[in-house]
Amino acid sequence: MQNNFARRTILVTGAASGIGLAVAERLSAEGAKRLILMDRDREALERLTLPCDTTLVCGDVREEPLWDAVEPELGALDHAVINAGVASAGAIADMSFDAWRHILSVNLDGAFLTLRAAMRAMKGRGGSIVLTASAAGVKAEAGVAAYGASKAALIHLAKVAAKEGAPHGIRVNAIAPAGVETPVWDAIPMFAERAAEIGRDAAFAEMAAMATPLGRYAKPEEIAGQIGFLLSDQSALVTGATLISDGGYTL
């Protein structure tokens, strides 16, 4: 594996599982000097063993006081992966306002606070940022109003940030996966019920066969590789873009 991130300092939120964990492992393998890894799950964070300097931050990305404390510790930040998020399902007519606000506050407010901290740390030296959006922010489906709206907003937020960051040498892009085999699915009742009936792997395969032209969902490691490309110097002229990685789901 190439040393694309030698001597680089990188922030990753939602780093204890799923895409975030795969990203942390990928960046570490590609020579990252220091990873600042953030998640709400302290035990999962503390189980991470990576061959580079790691700073672990346990906290909720939507809490501004947390970022007031973290910003001075970011130092000479080179890259950021804004990945922390939660999923939901439910019809608009049946959704409580509290449920709506919970999804928006984590997925959008938390992303804004992370993005603001990263761009402040990169001003004057440049860098690159990737926001984890979703194909749900591109294609409308019943039952995912809050999640889809939050991810659509992230895609636009990345574009605005790209325009604001360009004069400072800061690139900002988004990635929009469709199905990825991560623990976030366990919070969706439909998937959890089916997984209990036929097993998790079989439930993923069944859903992918119905929804995805290529017939499968992504592995977290595949998405991590694509995020690594967007962060790296190989995509030095790519900014304000959204990489849709969905197996044809949005066609």
Protein backbone atom coordinates (compact mmCIF):
# COMPACT_ATOMS: atom_id res chain seq x y z
CA MET A 1 0.00 0.00 0.00
CA GLN A 2 1.34 3.45 -0.91
CA ASN A 3 2.41 5.96 1.72
CA ASN A 4 -0.06 8.61 0.56
CA PHE A 5 -0.40 10.04 4.06
CA ALA A 6 3.17 10.01 5.36
CA ARG A 7 3.73 12.79 7.90
CA ARG A 8 0.03 13.73 7.77
CA THR A 9 -2.29 14.46 10.70
CA ILE A 10 -5.88 13.37 10.12
CA LEU A 11 -9.15 13.76 12.04
CA VAL A 12 -11.76 10.98 11.72
CA THR A 13 -15.16 11.11 13.43
CA GLY A 14 -17.30 8.05 13.97
CA ALA A 15 -14.02 6.16 14.05
CA ALA A 16 -14.90 3.25 16.31
CA SER A 17 -16.86 1.15 13.81
CA GLY A 18 -18.04 0.77 10.22
CA ILE A 19 -16.69 3.17 7.62
CA GLY A 20 -14.88 5.31 10.20
CA LEU A 21 -12.93 2.34 11.56
CA ALA A 22 -12.06 1.16 8.05
CA VAL A 23 -10.85 4.67 7.21
CA ALA A 24 -8.66 4.83 10.33
CA GLU A 25 -7.11 1.47 9.49
CA ARG A 26 -6.56 2.46 5.86
CA LEU A 27 -4.94 5.81 6.66
CA SER A 28 -2.72 4.25 9.28
CA ALA A 29 -1.59 1.59 6.79
CA GLU A 30 -0.83 4.36 4.27
CA GLY A 31 1.63 6.04 6.61
CA ALA A 32 -0.39 8.58 8.61
CA LYS A 33 1.73 10.24 11.25
CA ARG A 34 -1.12 11.01 13.66
CA LEU A 35 -4.80 10.13 13.75
CA ILE A 36 -7.28 12.04 15.89
CA LEU A 37 -10.11 9.56 16.32
CA MET A 38 -13.47 10.62 17.70
CA ASP A 39 -16.50 8.54 18.70
CA ARG A 40 -19.13 8.32 21.43
CA ASP A 41 -18.18 4.70 22.17
CA ARG A 42 -15.23 4.95 24.55
CA GLU A 43 -14.75 1.19 24.92
CA ALA A 44 -14.63 0.64 21.17
CA LEU A 45 -12.20 3.54 20.74
CA GLU A 46 -9.89 2.19 23.39
CA ARG A 47 -9.81 -1.22 21.71
CA LEU A 48 -8.23 0.27 18.58
CA THR A 49 -4.61 -0.65 18.00
CA LEU A 50 -3.03 1.18 15.09
CA PRO A 51 0.66 1.51 14.09
CA CYS A 52 0.73 5.30 14.36
CA ASP A 53 0.29 8.02 16.94
CA THR A 54 -3.37 8.20 17.93
CA THR A 55 -5.32 10.74 19.95
CA LEU A 56 -8.67 9.39 21.15
CA VAL A 57 -11.56 11.77 21.78
CA CYS A 58 -14.74 10.36 23.30
CA GLY A 59 -17.70 12.65 22.81
CA ASP A 60 -20.76 13.71 20.87
CA VAL A 61 -19.93 15.65 17.69
CA ARG A 62 -23.05 17.83 18.02
CA GLU A 63 -21.87 19.36 21.32
CA GLU A 64 -20.18 22.70 20.69
CA PRO A 65 -18.32 22.71 24.06
CA LEU A 66 -16.58 19.51 22.97
CA TRP A 67 -15.22 21.27 19.89
CA ASP A 68 -14.17 24.28 21.97
CA ALA A 69 -11.93 21.85 23.84
CA VAL A 70 -10.79 19.82 20.81
CA GLU A 71 -9.93 22.64 18.38
CA PRO A 72 -6.71 23.67 20.18
CA GLU A 73 -5.59 20.03 20.09
CA LEU A 74 -5.97 19.60 16.34
CA GLY A 75 -2.64 21.25 15.66
CA ALA A 76 -1.34 21.19 12.08
CA LEU A 77 -4.29 19.30 10.61
CA ASP A 78 -3.88 17.98 7.06
CA HIS A 79 -7.08 16.03 6.46
CA ALA A 80 -10.47 15.36 8.03
CA VAL A 81 -13.09 12.67 7.50
CA ILE A 82 -16.48 13.85 8.75
CA ASN A 83 -18.17 10.53 9.17
CA ALA A 84 -20.12 10.39 12.45
CA GLY A 85 -23.81 9.85 11.89
CA VAL A 86 -26.94 7.95 12.82
CA ALA A 87 -29.70 6.35 10.75
CA SER A 88 -33.46 6.23 11.09
CA ALA A 89 -36.57 4.99 9.36
CA GLY A 90 -40.18 6.05 9.55
CA ALA A 91 -42.89 7.84 7.60
CA ILE A 92 -43.11 11.62 7.91
CA ALA A 93 -46.67 11.47 9.24
CA ASP A 94 -45.60 9.09 12.01
CA MET A 95 -42.33 10.78 12.99
CA SER A 96 -42.03 12.81 16.17
CA PHE A 97 -40.27 16.15 16.04
CA ASP A 98 -37.79 14.88 18.62
CA ALA A 99 -36.87 11.98 16.33
CA TRP A 100 -36.46 14.38 13.40
CA ARG A 101 -34.28 16.75 15.42
CA HIS A 102 -32.12 13.89 16.74
CA ILE A 103 -31.13 12.79 13.22
CA LEU A 104 -30.58 16.33 11.97
CA SER A 105 -28.59 17.35 15.04
CA VAL A 106 -26.14 14.44 14.79
CA ASN A 107 -25.83 14.19 11.01
CA LEU A 108 -25.92 17.89 10.13
CA ASP A 109 -25.16 19.97 13.23
CA GLY A 110 -22.37 17.59 14.18
CA ALA A 111 -20.95 17.72 10.66
CA PHE A 112 -21.05 21.52 10.66
CA LEU A 113 -19.16 21.75 13.95
CA THR A 114 -16.58 19.24 12.74
CA LEU A 115 -16.20 21.00 9.41
CA ARG A 116 -15.81 24.39 11.05
CA ALA A 117 -13.10 23.10 13.38
CA ALA A 118 -11.24 21.37 10.54
CA MET A 119 -11.33 24.39 8.23
CA ARG A 120 -10.11 26.67 11.00
CA ALA A 121 -7.21 24.29 11.65
CA MET A 122 -6.31 24.13 7.95
CA LYS A 123 -6.44 27.85 7.16
CA GLY A 124 -3.08 29.14 6.08
CA ARG A 125 -1.71 25.71 5.22
CA GLY A 126 -4.34 23.91 3.12
CA GLY A 127 -5.73 20.42 3.42
CA SER A 128 -8.56 18.17 2.31
CA ILE A 129 -11.85 17.08 3.85
CA VAL A 130 -14.38 14.38 3.01
CA LEU A 131 -17.94 14.31 4.35
CA THR A 132 -19.76 10.98 4.46
CA ALA A 133 -23.14 11.64 2.88
CA SER A 134 -25.39 8.94 1.41
CA ALA A 135 -27.21 7.91 -1.74
CA ALA A 136 -30.31 8.61 0.38
CA GLY A 137 -29.42 12.27 -0.04
CA VAL A 138 -29.65 11.89 -3.82
CA LYS A 139 -32.53 9.46 -4.38
CA ALA A 140 -35.86 9.83 -2.61
CA GLU A 141 -37.27 6.79 -0.84
CA ALA A 142 -40.26 6.53 1.47
CA GLY A 143 -39.45 6.23 5.14
CA VAL A 144 -36.10 8.03 5.30
CA ALA A 145 -37.11 11.69 5.45
CA ALA A 146 -34.85 12.78 8.29
CA TYR A 147 -31.86 10.72 7.23
CA GLY A 148 -32.21 11.60 3.54
CA ALA A 149 -32.68 15.30 4.27
CA SER A 150 -29.62 15.38 6.51
CA LYS A 151 -27.46 13.71 3.88
CA ALA A 152 -28.75 15.93 1.06
CA ALA A 153 -27.82 18.91 3.21
CA LEU A 154 -24.32 17.46 3.72
CA ILE A 155 -23.80 17.25 -0.03
CA HIS A 156 -24.65 20.92 -0.41
CA LEU A 157 -22.63 21.85 2.67
CA ALA A 158 -19.59 20.23 1.05
CA LYS A 159 -20.08 22.37 -2.07
CA VAL A 160 -20.33 25.61 -0.09
CA ALA A 161 -17.31 24.64 2.00
CA ALA A 162 -15.37 23.86 -1.18
CA LYS A 163 -15.98 27.38 -2.48
CA GLU A 164 -15.04 28.96 0.83
CA GLY A 165 -12.02 26.71 1.28
CA ALA A 166 -10.54 27.03 -2.20
CA PRO A 167 -8.76 30.38 -1.58
CA HIS A 168 -7.08 28.76 1.43
CA GLY A 169 -6.01 25.61 -0.42
CA ILE A 170 -8.66 23.50 1.33
CA ARG A 171 -10.48 20.91 -0.77
CA VAL A 172 -13.86 19.60 0.39
CA ASN A 173 -15.71 16.67 -1.16
CA ALA A 174 -18.47 14.27 -0.21
CA ILE A 175 -18.97 10.57 -0.71
CA ALA A 176 -22.47 9.14 -1.09
CA PRO A 177 -22.55 5.37 -0.57
CA ALA A 178 -25.72 3.34 -0.84
CA GLY A 179 -25.78 0.10 1.13
CA VAL A 180 -22.64 -0.55 3.14
CA GLU A 181 -22.34 -3.50 5.48
CA THR A 182 -21.95 -1.54 8.73
CA PRO A 183 -23.53 -1.64 12.22
CA VAL A 184 -25.68 1.42 11.38
CA TRP A 185 -28.20 -0.99 9.81
CA ASP A 186 -28.85 -2.59 13.19
CA ALA A 187 -30.77 0.52 14.24
CA ILE A 188 -33.27 0.06 11.40
CA PRO A 189 -36.12 -2.22 12.57
CA MET A 190 -36.81 -3.71 9.13
CA PHE A 191 -33.21 -4.89 8.78
CA ALA A 192 -32.85 -5.97 12.40
CA GLU A 193 -35.98 -8.13 12.18
CA ARG A 194 -34.89 -9.77 8.94
CA ALA A 195 -31.35 -10.35 10.23
CA ALA A 196 -32.81 -12.09 13.29
CA GLU A 197 -34.77 -14.39 10.97
CA ILE A 198 -32.15 -15.36 8.37
CA GLY A 199 -28.83 -14.03 9.64
CA ARG A 200 -27.03 -10.75 9.07
CA ASP A 201 -25.06 -11.76 5.96
CA ALA A 202 -28.14 -13.24 4.31
CA ALA A 203 -30.18 -10.14 5.12
CA PHE A 204 -27.56 -7.92 3.48
CA ALA A 205 -27.48 -10.17 0.41
CA GLU A 206 -31.26 -10.22 0.14
CA MET A 207 -31.60 -6.44 0.39
CA ALA A 208 -28.76 -5.80 -2.06
CA ALA A 209 -30.24 -8.18 -4.61
CA MET A 210 -33.50 -6.23 -4.55
CA ALA A 211 -32.11 -2.69 -4.49
CA THR A 212 -28.75 -2.64 -6.26
CA PRO A 213 -28.13 -3.36 -9.97
CA LEU A 214 -24.67 -4.77 -9.20
CA GLY A 215 -26.32 -7.10 -6.70
CA ARG A 216 -24.29 -6.41 -3.60
CA TYR A 217 -23.58 -3.82 -0.93
CA ALA A 218 -20.15 -2.31 -0.32
CA LYS A 219 -17.71 -3.40 2.33
CA PRO A 220 -16.50 -0.59 4.63
CA GLU A 221 -12.97 -1.14 3.34
CA GLU A 222 -14.06 -0.30 -0.21
CA ILE A 223 -15.56 3.02 0.86
CA ALA A 224 -12.45 3.72 2.94
CA GLY A 225 -10.30 3.32 -0.17
CA GLN A 226 -12.45 5.80 -2.07
CA ILE A 227 -12.31 8.28 0.81
CA GLY A 228 -8.54 7.87 0.86
CA PHE A 229 -8.41 8.76 -2.83
CA LEU A 230 -10.50 11.91 -2.30
CA LEU A 231 -8.26 12.97 0.59
CA SER A 232 -5.01 12.26 -1.22
CA ASP A 233 -2.90 14.30 -3.58
CA GLN A 234 -4.08 12.02 -6.40
CA SER A 235 -7.31 14.06 -6.44
CA ALA A 236 -5.59 17.44 -6.05
CA LEU A 237 -7.99 19.17 -8.48
CA VAL A 238 -11.17 17.55 -7.15
CA THR A 239 -13.23 19.77 -4.88
CA GLY A 240 -16.95 20.32 -4.38
CA ALA A 241 -17.64 16.89 -5.86
CA THR A 242 -19.81 14.06 -4.62
CA LEU A 243 -18.62 10.54 -5.37
CA ILE A 244 -21.71 8.34 -5.64
CA SER A 245 -20.61 4.82 -4.74
CA ASP A 246 -23.84 2.86 -4.87
CA GLY A 247 -23.64 -0.15 -7.17
CA GLY A 248 -26.11 1.58 -9.49
CA TYR A 249 -28.79 2.18 -6.84
CA THR A 250 -29.47 5.77 -7.91
CA LEU A 251 -29.79 4.99 -11.64
